[in-house]
């Protein structure tokens, strides 16, 4: 059961007794920005909009993709900004969409956190506090456990179970957004971090523990403007999460997908599900992520699949050149980049007559390739280029190995 404050549960699983090989799959839709039809077109997700043609509607198109590919997940995670400009109708519609998507994925549960657009920090209704809509939307929002709801709105966090092997640490980075001035950046002060450390220490953590928040805890400068809204206490927050077993940090807000590793902890900045990206669209698309995590040999490694939405085309595989993020990436490889480079070079040598080695051959020669981060993959590609070898995605988004044409 979910918990906030200082309570722990009797059924929590100690990692020393957790089953090695524990696995979990998360689907992630971030920054939906569901808006009213009369509002500015900040998003392609509109309250009450027609869902035919299916390829014009990001939710209906995603439901079609889920059915076609048989996609399943243990939980659907939403890193905030379900609605746009604090619209109550948008928040309600976005939650309906999320529950519908979660049901199609056959998720055990759907877990959101709040973003700056989900609360009325500008006090459009002066007599109501900024969290009024989120607190009173309906039973079961944002969480089905009353203790988790209380902890999230009072302490700024709660711990939620997904099955017996996985916990989500849901963090409220808008908890101190009480007016327009305080809402300019995410907040989670040191007193809350101390409290979080106490509670996480009291919990006997499961094999897999993941943190979910809206604002970014590490600097994330985009290609068009500087980063002025990073969490001021992000480094301290990351340290506490790392020390208490969080194997992955997932956040939204920036709309620019990025996977980095900070002091050994992977941090996934999710792409926006349906926000109008404007000039950003030249370097980044709207995205849906699917994350597979595995607990093995005392550590966590992950594999991330990403799809992108194109109006009138629906959802297709992401591509680093055209979408700003690869279709397949990951973290936690048990082999170094240099070792994987050697494995692929040996594969090429053993098949000297072949100009192309298929994705199946590449995967068999180096199974850990799928757990390289984008930056590690770039390092690998550079090393292979020096050997006159070239990594290229096939039609399924998997990596083939080609010999470079010389002369």
Protein backbone atom coordinates (compact mmCIF):
# COMPACT_ATOMS: atom_id res chain seq x y z
CA UNK A 1 0.00 0.00 0.00
CA UNK A 2 1.15 3.56 -0.60
CA UNK A 3 2.57 5.53 2.27
CA UNK A 4 3.49 9.11 3.06
CA UNK A 5 4.87 10.46 6.30
CA UNK A 6 6.77 8.09 8.56
CA UNK A 7 4.78 4.87 8.38
CA UNK A 8 6.18 1.67 6.92
CA UNK A 9 4.30 -1.45 5.94
CA UNK A 10 4.65 -4.91 7.38
CA UNK A 11 4.68 -6.52 3.96
CA UNK A 12 7.59 -4.56 2.47
CA UNK A 13 10.26 -6.76 0.92
CA UNK A 14 13.89 -6.56 1.97
CA UNK A 15 16.22 -6.47 -1.06
CA UNK A 16 18.28 -9.25 0.42
CA UNK A 17 15.22 -11.53 0.23
CA UNK A 18 13.82 -10.13 -3.01
CA UNK A 19 13.86 -12.52 -5.91
CA UNK A 20 16.84 -11.87 -8.14
CA UNK A 21 15.68 -11.33 -11.67
CA UNK A 22 12.70 -9.19 -10.60
CA UNK A 23 11.31 -7.33 -13.61
CA UNK A 24 8.85 -4.51 -14.20
CA UNK A 25 7.57 -2.62 -17.24
CA UNK A 26 6.45 1.00 -17.09
CA UNK A 27 4.63 2.93 -19.78
CA UNK A 28 5.17 6.69 -19.55
CA UNK A 29 3.11 9.56 -20.93
CA UNK A 30 4.34 12.96 -19.81
CA UNK A 31 3.17 16.55 -20.23
CA UNK A 32 -0.19 15.86 -21.88
CA UNK A 33 -1.27 19.51 -21.51
CA UNK A 34 -4.92 18.65 -22.18
CA UNK A 35 -6.61 21.96 -23.04
CA UNK A 36 -9.98 23.52 -23.70
CA UNK A 37 -10.98 24.02 -27.32
CA UNK A 38 -11.24 27.79 -26.76
CA UNK A 39 -7.72 28.02 -25.31
CA UNK A 40 -4.52 28.66 -27.29
CA UNK A 41 -3.30 25.62 -29.20
CA UNK A 42 -0.59 24.71 -26.69
CA UNK A 43 -1.37 21.03 -27.21
CA UNK A 44 -2.89 18.64 -29.73
CA UNK A 45 -4.89 17.06 -26.88
CA UNK A 46 -8.23 18.84 -26.57
CA UNK A 47 -11.14 18.26 -24.20
CA UNK A 48 -13.96 16.52 -26.05
CA UNK A 49 -12.23 16.48 -29.44
CA UNK A 50 -13.26 13.99 -32.15
CA UNK A 51 -11.23 10.78 -32.17
CA UNK A 52 -11.84 9.92 -35.82
CA UNK A 53 -9.65 9.90 -37.88
CA UNK A 54 -7.71 7.94 -35.26
CA UNK A 55 -4.31 9.01 -36.58
CA UNK A 56 -5.16 12.67 -35.82
CA UNK A 57 -5.75 12.03 -32.12
CA UNK A 58 -2.73 11.08 -29.97
CA UNK A 59 -4.72 9.04 -27.45
CA UNK A 60 -6.80 7.09 -29.98
CA UNK A 61 -3.72 6.51 -32.13
CA UNK A 62 -1.86 5.20 -29.06
CA UNK A 63 -4.71 2.84 -28.23
CA UNK A 64 -4.47 1.52 -31.79
CA UNK A 65 -0.68 1.04 -31.40
CA UNK A 66 -1.17 -0.78 -28.08
CA UNK A 67 -3.70 -3.15 -29.64
CA UNK A 68 -1.70 -3.73 -32.81
CA UNK A 69 1.57 -4.49 -31.02
CA UNK A 70 0.09 -6.14 -27.94
CA UNK A 71 1.92 -3.72 -25.64
CA UNK A 72 1.57 -4.46 -21.91
CA UNK A 73 2.87 -2.69 -18.80
CA UNK A 74 2.73 -3.15 -15.04
CA UNK A 75 2.05 0.54 -14.42
CA UNK A 76 1.41 3.73 -16.36
CA UNK A 77 3.45 6.68 -15.05
CA UNK A 78 2.57 10.33 -15.71
CA UNK A 79 5.29 12.85 -14.73
CA UNK A 80 2.93 15.82 -14.45
CA UNK A 81 1.22 18.52 -16.51
CA UNK A 82 -1.82 16.43 -17.30
CA UNK A 83 -3.73 19.62 -18.03
CA UNK A 84 -2.85 23.02 -19.48
CA UNK A 85 -3.12 26.39 -17.74
CA UNK A 86 -4.73 24.80 -14.66
CA UNK A 87 -7.91 23.84 -16.56
CA UNK A 88 -10.21 21.75 -14.34
CA UNK A 89 -11.90 20.24 -17.39
CA UNK A 90 -8.52 19.47 -18.92
CA UNK A 91 -7.35 17.74 -15.74
CA UNK A 92 -10.47 15.59 -15.61
CA UNK A 93 -10.28 14.69 -19.32
CA UNK A 94 -6.54 13.89 -19.09
CA UNK A 95 -7.13 11.58 -16.13
CA UNK A 96 -9.88 9.81 -18.08
CA UNK A 97 -7.46 9.40 -20.98
CA UNK A 98 -4.77 8.07 -18.63
CA UNK A 99 -7.12 5.51 -17.08
CA UNK A 100 -8.24 4.42 -20.54
CA UNK A 101 -4.65 3.97 -21.70
CA UNK A 102 -3.73 2.16 -18.47
CA UNK A 103 -6.63 -0.24 -18.96
CA UNK A 104 -5.56 -0.95 -22.55
CA UNK A 105 -2.04 -1.69 -21.30
CA UNK A 106 -3.53 -3.95 -18.58
CA UNK A 107 -1.67 -2.00 -15.91
CA UNK A 108 -1.93 -2.83 -12.23
CA UNK A 109 -2.18 0.88 -11.59
CA UNK A 110 -1.84 4.36 -13.09
CA UNK A 111 0.39 6.78 -11.15
CA UNK A 112 0.61 10.53 -11.79
CA UNK A 113 2.48 13.35 -10.11
CA UNK A 114 1.49 16.99 -10.45
CA UNK A 115 3.14 19.57 -12.68
CA UNK A 116 3.02 23.36 -12.65
CA UNK A 117 0.10 23.37 -15.13
CA UNK A 118 -1.96 21.11 -12.84
CA UNK A 119 -2.33 23.67 -10.05
CA UNK A 120 -3.83 27.16 -10.05
CA UNK A 121 -0.80 29.10 -8.81
CA UNK A 122 -2.18 32.27 -10.43
CA UNK A 123 -5.31 32.04 -8.24
CA UNK A 124 -7.89 32.42 -10.99
CA UNK A 125 -10.43 31.63 -8.26
CA UNK A 126 -9.01 33.70 -5.36
CA UNK A 127 -10.99 32.01 -2.59
CA UNK A 128 -9.56 28.57 -3.49
CA UNK A 129 -6.04 27.38 -2.73
CA UNK A 130 -3.94 26.38 -5.79
CA UNK A 131 -4.34 22.61 -5.21
CA UNK A 132 -8.13 22.68 -4.95
CA UNK A 133 -8.83 21.01 -8.32
CA UNK A 134 -6.19 18.31 -7.86
CA UNK A 135 -7.32 17.55 -4.29
CA UNK A 136 -11.00 17.37 -5.21
CA UNK A 137 -10.99 16.03 -8.77
CA UNK A 138 -12.50 12.65 -7.81
CA UNK A 139 -11.89 9.69 -5.48
CA UNK A 140 -8.74 7.81 -6.42
CA UNK A 141 -6.87 10.83 -7.79
CA UNK A 142 -3.97 11.13 -7.70
CA UNK A 143 -3.67 7.85 -5.75
CA UNK A 144 -6.12 5.25 -4.50
CA UNK A 145 -4.58 5.08 -0.98
CA UNK A 146 -5.72 7.93 1.34
CA UNK A 147 -2.41 7.78 3.22
CA UNK A 148 -0.49 8.31 -0.03
CA UNK A 149 -2.66 11.28 -0.99
CA UNK A 150 -2.13 12.81 2.45
CA UNK A 151 1.63 12.31 2.29
CA UNK A 152 1.91 13.70 -1.22
CA UNK A 153 0.09 16.94 -0.35
CA UNK A 154 1.55 17.42 3.14
CA UNK A 155 5.10 16.03 3.08
CA UNK A 156 5.52 16.38 -0.67
CA UNK A 157 6.03 12.68 -1.41
CA UNK A 158 4.68 9.17 -0.94
CA UNK A 159 5.83 5.62 -1.63
CA UNK A 160 3.62 3.39 -3.75
CA UNK A 161 3.80 -0.34 -4.40
CA UNK A 162 3.57 -1.83 -7.88
CA UNK A 163 3.36 -5.54 -7.21
CA UNK A 164 5.63 -6.99 -4.53
CA UNK A 165 8.98 -6.22 -6.16
CA UNK A 166 8.65 -2.55 -7.15
CA UNK A 167 8.09 0.81 -5.43
CA UNK A 168 7.47 4.24 -6.91
CA UNK A 169 8.64 7.26 -4.90
CA UNK A 170 6.20 9.96 -6.08
CA UNK A 171 7.58 13.47 -5.43
CA UNK A 172 5.54 16.67 -5.48
CA UNK A 173 7.84 19.35 -6.94
CA UNK A 174 5.03 21.92 -7.03
CA UNK A 175 4.14 21.60 -3.34
CA UNK A 176 5.26 25.16 -2.55
CA UNK A 177 3.72 26.80 -5.60
CA UNK A 178 1.29 29.16 -3.89
CA UNK A 179 1.40 32.13 -6.27
CA UNK A 180 2.76 33.12 -9.67
CA UNK A 181 6.16 34.13 -8.30
CA UNK A 182 6.76 30.89 -6.37
CA UNK A 183 5.74 28.83 -9.42
CA UNK A 184 8.62 29.95 -11.61
CA UNK A 185 10.64 26.83 -10.81
CA UNK A 186 10.22 23.49 -9.10
CA UNK A 187 10.61 23.34 -5.33
CA UNK A 188 11.53 20.67 -2.80
CA UNK A 189 13.40 22.22 0.11
CA UNK A 190 16.01 20.67 2.39
CA UNK A 191 13.56 20.00 5.23
CA UNK A 192 11.47 17.89 2.86
CA UNK A 193 14.59 16.08 1.64
CA UNK A 194 15.50 15.23 5.25
CA UNK A 195 11.98 13.92 5.83
CA UNK A 196 12.14 11.90 2.61
CA UNK A 197 15.43 10.31 3.72
CA UNK A 198 13.86 9.34 7.08
CA UNK A 199 10.84 7.71 5.47
CA UNK A 200 12.82 5.87 2.79
CA UNK A 201 15.13 4.57 5.51
CA UNK A 202 12.13 3.21 7.42
CA UNK A 203 10.80 1.38 4.38
CA UNK A 204 12.34 -2.01 3.67
CA UNK A 205 12.74 -1.35 -0.01
CA UNK A 206 11.77 -3.70 -2.77
CA UNK A 207 14.10 -5.06 -5.44
CA UNK A 208 13.28 -2.16 -7.79
CA UNK A 209 12.69 1.43 -6.60
CA UNK A 210 12.02 4.30 -9.04
CA UNK A 211 11.47 8.02 -8.38
CA UNK A 212 8.84 9.99 -10.32
CA UNK A 213 8.65 13.81 -10.37
CA UNK A 214 7.71 16.65 -12.69
CA UNK A 215 10.63 19.09 -12.48
CA UNK A 216 14.16 18.16 -13.41
CA UNK A 217 16.76 17.67 -10.65
CA UNK A 218 19.75 18.24 -12.96
CA UNK A 219 20.57 21.02 -15.40
CA UNK A 220 18.78 20.49 -18.72
CA UNK A 221 19.59 23.22 -21.20
CA UNK A 222 17.64 22.95 -24.44
CA UNK A 223 18.83 24.02 -27.89
CA UNK A 224 16.80 27.25 -27.87
CA UNK A 225 16.85 28.71 -24.35
CA UNK A 226 18.76 28.40 -21.05
CA UNK A 227 17.54 26.32 -18.11
CA UNK A 228 16.17 28.59 -15.38
CA UNK A 229 13.72 26.23 -13.66
CA UNK A 230 15.90 23.31 -12.52
CA UNK A 231 15.23 22.23 -8.92
CA UNK A 232 17.48 24.34 -6.70
CA UNK A 233 18.02 21.37 -4.37
CA UNK A 234 18.21 18.81 -7.16
CA UNK A 235 21.69 17.55 -6.32
CA UNK A 236 20.76 16.92 -2.67
CA UNK A 237 17.50 15.24 -3.70
CA UNK A 238 19.32 12.96 -6.15
CA UNK A 239 21.84 12.00 -3.49
CA UNK A 240 19.12 10.93 -1.05
CA UNK A 241 17.26 8.99 -3.75
CA UNK A 242 20.48 7.29 -4.81
CA UNK A 243 21.46 6.42 -1.22
CA UNK A 244 18.06 4.81 -0.67
CA UNK A 245 18.07 2.59 -3.70
CA UNK A 246 16.29 4.54 -6.44
CA UNK A 247 17.60 2.91 -9.59
CA UNK A 248 16.00 5.40 -12.01
CA UNK A 249 14.71 8.97 -11.85
CA UNK A 250 11.87 9.85 -14.26
CA UNK A 251 10.75 13.45 -14.81
CA UNK A 252 8.90 15.60 -17.31
CA UNK A 253 8.54 19.38 -17.70
CA UNK A 254 11.26 20.07 -20.28
CA UNK A 255 9.51 18.33 -23.25
CA UNK A 256 12.99 17.46 -24.56
CA UNK A 257 13.77 13.76 -24.08
CA UNK A 258 17.17 12.94 -22.65
CA UNK A 259 18.75 10.00 -20.81
CA UNK A 260 21.79 10.81 -18.68
CA UNK A 261 23.63 9.09 -15.84
CA UNK A 262 24.45 11.33 -12.87
CA UNK A 263 26.88 9.83 -10.34
CA UNK A 264 25.73 6.38 -11.37
CA UNK A 265 21.98 7.16 -11.33
CA UNK A 266 20.08 7.19 -14.65
CA UNK A 267 17.84 10.24 -15.12
CA UNK A 268 15.20 10.05 -17.86
CA UNK A 269 13.74 13.34 -19.06
CA UNK A 270 10.59 12.29 -20.89
CA UNK A 271 9.39 13.77 -24.13
CA UNK A 272 5.98 15.44 -24.07
CA UNK A 273 3.05 13.25 -25.08
CA UNK A 274 1.04 15.93 -26.85
CA UNK A 275 2.26 19.49 -26.18
CA UNK A 276 2.65 21.75 -29.20
CA UNK A 277 6.44 21.94 -29.33
CA UNK A 278 6.67 24.94 -31.66
CA UNK A 279 10.26 25.59 -32.71
CA UNK A 280 11.36 22.60 -30.60
CA UNK A 281 9.57 20.32 -33.07
CA UNK A 282 12.51 20.73 -35.43
CA UNK A 283 14.64 18.74 -32.98
CA UNK A 284 12.16 16.76 -30.85
CA UNK A 285 8.82 14.97 -31.38
CA UNK A 286 5.93 14.07 -29.08
CA UNK A 287 6.71 10.78 -27.35
CA UNK A 288 5.46 7.66 -25.59
CA UNK A 289 8.03 5.63 -23.64
CA UNK A 290 8.05 1.99 -22.54
CA UNK A 291 10.64 1.10 -19.89
CA UNK A 292 11.68 -2.44 -18.97
CA UNK A 293 13.68 -2.75 -15.74
CA UNK A 294 15.44 -5.86 -14.51
CA UNK A 295 17.05 -6.57 -11.13
CA UNK A 296 20.01 -8.85 -11.74
CA UNK A 297 23.35 -9.48 -10.05
CA UNK A 298 22.61 -6.89 -7.38
CA UNK A 299 21.99 -4.04 -9.81
CA UNK A 300 19.27 -2.62 -12.05
CA UNK A 301 19.51 -2.30 -15.79
CA UNK A 302 16.95 -0.93 -18.18
CA UNK A 303 15.77 -0.91 -21.76
CA UNK A 304 13.69 1.96 -23.16
CA UNK A 305 11.51 1.87 -26.29
CA UNK A 306 10.17 5.16 -27.61
CA UNK A 307 7.45 5.98 -30.15
CA UNK A 308 6.71 9.39 -31.64
CA UNK A 309 3.42 10.95 -32.80
CA UNK A 310 2.98 12.62 -36.18
CA UNK A 311 -0.36 14.22 -36.97
CA UNK A 312 -2.28 12.18 -39.60
CA UNK A 313 0.26 9.34 -39.32
CA UNK A 314 -0.19 8.22 -35.72
CA UNK A 315 2.58 6.68 -33.63
CA UNK A 316 5.79 5.33 -35.16
CA UNK A 317 9.24 4.40 -33.96
CA UNK A 318 11.48 7.21 -32.72
CA UNK A 319 14.72 7.92 -34.53
CA UNK A 320 17.65 9.90 -33.08
CA UNK A 321 18.19 11.88 -36.27
CA UNK A 322 14.56 12.78 -37.02
CA UNK A 323 12.90 12.56 -33.58
CA UNK A 324 15.66 13.64 -31.20
CA UNK A 325 15.74 10.31 -29.33
CA UNK A 326 16.43 6.70 -30.32
CA UNK A 327 13.73 4.05 -30.59
CA UNK A 328 15.80 1.68 -28.46
CA UNK A 329 18.20 2.72 -25.72
CA UNK A 330 18.91 1.79 -22.12
CA UNK A 331 21.29 1.87 -19.19
CA UNK A 332 23.16 -0.44 -16.83
CA UNK A 333 25.14 -2.48 -19.35
CA UNK A 334 27.22 -5.23 -17.75
CA UNK A 335 29.85 -4.72 -20.46
CA UNK A 336 31.91 -1.60 -21.11
CA UNK A 337 31.70 0.31 -24.38
CA UNK A 338 35.19 -0.89 -25.25
CA UNK A 339 34.25 -4.53 -24.62
CA UNK A 340 31.16 -4.20 -26.82
CA UNK A 341 33.24 -2.53 -29.55
CA UNK A 342 35.63 -5.50 -29.44
CA UNK A 343 32.74 -7.98 -29.65
CA UNK A 344 31.31 -6.26 -32.72
CA UNK A 345 34.72 -5.97 -34.36
CA UNK A 346 35.22 -9.71 -33.84
CA UNK A 347 31.80 -10.33 -35.39
CA UNK A 348 32.83 -8.34 -38.46
CA UNK A 349 36.14 -10.19 -38.71
CA UNK A 350 34.41 -13.56 -38.46
CA UNK A 351 32.11 -12.54 -41.34
CA UNK A 352 34.70 -10.83 -43.54
CA UNK A 353 32.73 -11.40 -46.75
CA UNK A 354 29.56 -9.72 -45.47
CA UNK A 355 28.94 -6.01 -46.02
CA UNK A 356 25.96 -6.07 -43.64
CA UNK A 357 25.45 -7.92 -40.38
CA UNK A 358 21.81 -8.14 -39.30
CA UNK A 359 20.36 -6.88 -36.04
CA UNK A 360 19.91 -10.49 -34.94
CA UNK A 361 23.60 -11.22 -35.52
CA UNK A 362 24.60 -8.03 -33.70
CA UNK A 363 22.35 -8.81 -30.72
CA UNK A 364 23.69 -12.36 -30.49
CA UNK A 365 27.30 -11.15 -30.57
CA UNK A 366 26.71 -8.41 -27.99
CA UNK A 367 23.50 -8.78 -25.94
CA UNK A 368 24.42 -5.83 -23.70
CA UNK A 369 24.27 -3.39 -26.61
CA UNK A 370 20.61 -2.60 -25.81
CA UNK A 371 21.62 -1.36 -22.35
CA UNK A 372 23.94 1.41 -23.58
CA UNK A 373 22.84 5.00 -23.00
CA UNK A 374 22.65 7.34 -26.01
CA UNK A 375 26.00 8.92 -25.09
CA UNK A 376 27.62 5.50 -24.67
CA UNK A 377 26.18 4.45 -28.00
CA UNK A 378 27.70 7.56 -29.60
CA UNK A 379 31.09 6.63 -28.15
CA UNK A 380 30.69 3.09 -29.51
CA UNK A 381 29.71 4.37 -32.95
CA UNK A 382 32.78 6.61 -33.03
CA UNK A 383 35.07 3.70 -32.15
CA UNK A 384 33.50 1.51 -34.82
CA UNK A 385 33.82 4.26 -37.43
CA UNK A 386 37.56 4.17 -36.84
CA UNK A 387 37.42 0.48 -37.74
CA UNK A 388 35.46 1.28 -40.95
CA UNK A 389 32.26 -0.10 -39.40
CA UNK A 390 28.95 1.70 -39.13
CA UNK A 391 25.93 1.14 -36.84
CA UNK A 392 22.58 1.70 -38.54
CA UNK A 393 18.97 1.20 -37.42
CA UNK A 394 16.92 -1.35 -39.36
CA UNK A 395 13.20 -0.99 -40.06
CA UNK A 396 12.38 -2.23 -36.54
CA UNK A 397 14.66 0.32 -34.88
CA UNK A 398 17.29 -2.33 -34.02
CA UNK A 399 20.98 -1.85 -34.77
CA UNK A 400 22.71 -3.47 -37.74
CA UNK A 401 26.43 -3.34 -38.45
CA UNK A 402 27.61 -2.24 -41.91
CA UNK A 403 31.03 -1.98 -43.44
CA UNK A 404 31.86 1.53 -44.60
CA UNK A 405 32.45 1.97 -48.29
CA UNK A 406 36.00 3.13 -48.84
CA UNK A 407 38.03 4.18 -51.80
